[in-house]
Amino acid sequence: MAAKTTTENDIADEELEPVADETARQAQRVVAAYATDADECRMLLSMLGIGPSAKID
């Protein structure tokens, strides 16, 4: 049986706040520890929106 989807609990993009840098770093370490390889780690970090940021000099 498929789960019902509701919009009453959906959050609009403008209501989302970025996570703190330290929280993102901790989450990155946890994801890296449990990922089976580098590709999976990159995919999961990207899905969570906490992938490594490109440094522009």
N, C-alpha and C. Protein backbone atom coordinates (compact mmCIF):
# COMPACT_ATOMS: atom_id res chain seq x y z
N MET A 1 0.85 -1.17 0.00
CA MET A 1 0.00 0.00 0.00
C MET A 1 0.89 1.24 0.00
N ALA A 2 0.66 2.14 -0.92
CA ALA A 2 1.47 3.35 -1.04
C ALA A 2 1.13 4.33 0.07
N ALA A 3 2.16 5.03 0.53
CA ALA A 3 1.96 6.03 1.57
C ALA A 3 1.30 7.27 0.96
N LYS A 4 0.42 7.88 1.72
CA LYS A 4 -0.25 9.09 1.27
C LYS A 4 0.70 10.27 1.43
N THR A 5 0.70 11.15 0.47
CA THR A 5 1.51 12.35 0.57
C THR A 5 0.59 13.52 0.89
N THR A 6 1.00 14.33 1.82
CA THR A 6 0.20 15.50 2.19
C THR A 6 1.03 16.75 2.01
N THR A 7 0.36 17.85 1.79
CA THR A 7 1.06 19.12 1.63
C THR A 7 0.97 19.96 2.89
N GLU A 8 0.20 19.53 3.87
CA GLU A 8 0.04 20.34 5.07
C GLU A 8 1.33 20.41 5.90
N ASN A 9 2.23 19.43 5.75
CA ASN A 9 3.50 19.43 6.50
C ASN A 9 4.68 19.82 5.64
N ASP A 10 4.45 20.16 4.37
CA ASP A 10 5.53 20.55 3.49
C ASP A 10 6.09 21.91 3.91
N ILE A 11 7.39 22.07 3.68
CA ILE A 11 8.06 23.32 4.03
C ILE A 11 8.49 24.01 2.74
N ALA A 12 8.17 25.27 2.61
CA ALA A 12 8.56 26.04 1.43
C ALA A 12 10.06 26.30 1.47
N ASP A 13 10.66 26.39 0.29
CA ASP A 13 12.11 26.62 0.21
C ASP A 13 12.54 27.88 0.95
N GLU A 14 11.71 28.92 0.90
CA GLU A 14 12.11 30.16 1.57
C GLU A 14 12.05 30.05 3.10
N GLU A 15 11.42 29.00 3.61
CA GLU A 15 11.35 28.80 5.06
C GLU A 15 12.53 28.00 5.60
N LEU A 16 13.32 27.40 4.70
CA LEU A 16 14.46 26.59 5.12
C LEU A 16 15.63 27.50 5.50
N GLU A 17 16.32 27.14 6.55
CA GLU A 17 17.49 27.87 6.97
C GLU A 17 18.71 26.98 6.83
N PRO A 18 19.85 27.53 6.42
CA PRO A 18 21.05 26.72 6.30
C PRO A 18 21.51 26.22 7.67
N VAL A 19 22.11 25.05 7.68
CA VAL A 19 22.62 24.51 8.95
C VAL A 19 23.91 25.22 9.32
N ALA A 20 24.23 25.24 10.59
CA ALA A 20 25.45 25.86 11.06
C ALA A 20 26.66 25.10 10.49
N ASP A 21 27.76 25.80 10.31
CA ASP A 21 28.96 25.19 9.74
C ASP A 21 29.41 23.97 10.55
N GLU A 22 29.41 24.07 11.86
CA GLU A 22 29.85 22.96 12.70
C GLU A 22 28.91 21.76 12.56
N THR A 23 27.62 22.02 12.48
CA THR A 23 26.65 20.94 12.29
C THR A 23 26.87 20.25 10.95
N ALA A 24 27.12 21.02 9.91
CA ALA A 24 27.38 20.45 8.58
C ALA A 24 28.65 19.61 8.60
N ARG A 25 29.70 20.09 9.26
CA ARG A 25 30.96 19.33 9.34
C ARG A 25 30.75 18.01 10.07
N GLN A 26 29.99 18.03 11.15
CA GLN A 26 29.71 16.80 11.89
C GLN A 26 28.92 15.82 11.03
N ALA A 27 27.93 16.33 10.31
CA ALA A 27 27.13 15.47 9.43
C ALA A 27 27.98 14.91 8.30
N GLN A 28 28.89 15.71 7.76
CA GLN A 28 29.78 15.23 6.71
C GLN A 28 30.64 14.07 7.21
N ARG A 29 31.13 14.18 8.44
CA ARG A 29 31.96 13.10 9.00
C ARG A 29 31.16 11.83 9.19
N VAL A 30 29.92 11.95 9.64
CA VAL A 30 29.08 10.76 9.83
C VAL A 30 28.78 10.10 8.49
N VAL A 31 28.42 10.90 7.49
CA VAL A 31 28.13 10.36 6.17
C VAL A 31 29.37 9.67 5.61
N ALA A 32 30.53 10.30 5.73
CA ALA A 32 31.77 9.72 5.21
C ALA A 32 32.10 8.40 5.91
N ALA A 33 31.81 8.32 7.19
CA ALA A 33 32.11 7.09 7.94
C ALA A 33 31.24 5.92 7.49
N TYR A 34 30.01 6.18 7.08
CA TYR A 34 29.09 5.11 6.72
C TYR A 34 28.97 4.85 5.22
N ALA A 35 29.49 5.75 4.40
CA ALA A 35 29.41 5.57 2.95
C ALA A 35 30.32 4.41 2.52
N THR A 36 29.89 3.66 1.52
CA THR A 36 30.67 2.51 1.07
C THR A 36 31.84 2.91 0.18
N ASP A 37 31.74 4.04 -0.50
CA ASP A 37 32.84 4.53 -1.32
C ASP A 37 32.70 6.04 -1.52
N ALA A 38 33.67 6.63 -2.21
CA ALA A 38 33.68 8.08 -2.39
C ALA A 38 32.48 8.57 -3.20
N ASP A 39 32.09 7.81 -4.21
CA ASP A 39 30.94 8.22 -5.03
C ASP A 39 29.66 8.26 -4.21
N GLU A 40 29.45 7.25 -3.37
CA GLU A 40 28.26 7.24 -2.52
C GLU A 40 28.31 8.39 -1.52
N CYS A 41 29.48 8.66 -1.00
CA CYS A 41 29.63 9.77 -0.04
C CYS A 41 29.26 11.09 -0.71
N ARG A 42 29.79 11.34 -1.91
CA ARG A 42 29.46 12.57 -2.63
C ARG A 42 27.97 12.68 -2.91
N MET A 43 27.36 11.55 -3.32
CA MET A 43 25.93 11.56 -3.64
C MET A 43 25.11 11.89 -2.39
N LEU A 44 25.43 11.25 -1.27
CA LEU A 44 24.67 11.48 -0.04
C LEU A 44 24.85 12.91 0.47
N LEU A 45 26.07 13.41 0.43
CA LEU A 45 26.31 14.79 0.86
C LEU A 45 25.55 15.77 -0.02
N SER A 46 25.52 15.50 -1.32
CA SER A 46 24.79 16.36 -2.24
C SER A 46 23.30 16.31 -1.95
N MET A 47 22.77 15.12 -1.70
CA MET A 47 21.34 14.98 -1.41
C MET A 47 20.96 15.72 -0.13
N LEU A 48 21.86 15.73 0.83
CA LEU A 48 21.60 16.41 2.08
C LEU A 48 21.88 17.92 2.01
N GLY A 49 22.50 18.34 0.93
CA GLY A 49 22.82 19.76 0.77
C GLY A 49 23.99 20.21 1.62
N ILE A 50 24.87 19.26 1.96
CA ILE A 50 26.03 19.61 2.81
C ILE A 50 27.34 19.17 2.16
N GLY A 51 27.33 19.15 0.84
CA GLY A 51 28.54 18.78 0.11
C GLY A 51 29.62 19.81 0.31
N PRO A 52 30.86 19.43 0.01
CA PRO A 52 31.97 20.39 0.17
C PRO A 52 31.76 21.58 -0.76
N SER A 53 32.00 22.75 -0.26
CA SER A 53 31.82 23.95 -1.08
C SER A 53 33.11 24.22 -1.86
N ALA A 54 32.95 24.70 -3.07
CA ALA A 54 34.09 25.03 -3.89
C ALA A 54 34.72 26.31 -3.35
N LYS A 55 36.01 26.29 -3.14
CA LYS A 55 36.71 27.47 -2.63
C LYS A 55 37.19 28.31 -3.79
N ILE A 56 36.77 29.56 -3.79
CA ILE A 56 37.15 30.49 -4.84
C ILE A 56 38.16 31.47 -4.26
N ASP A 57 39.33 31.53 -4.87
CA ASP A 57 40.38 32.45 -4.38
C ASP A 57 40.37 33.74 -5.13
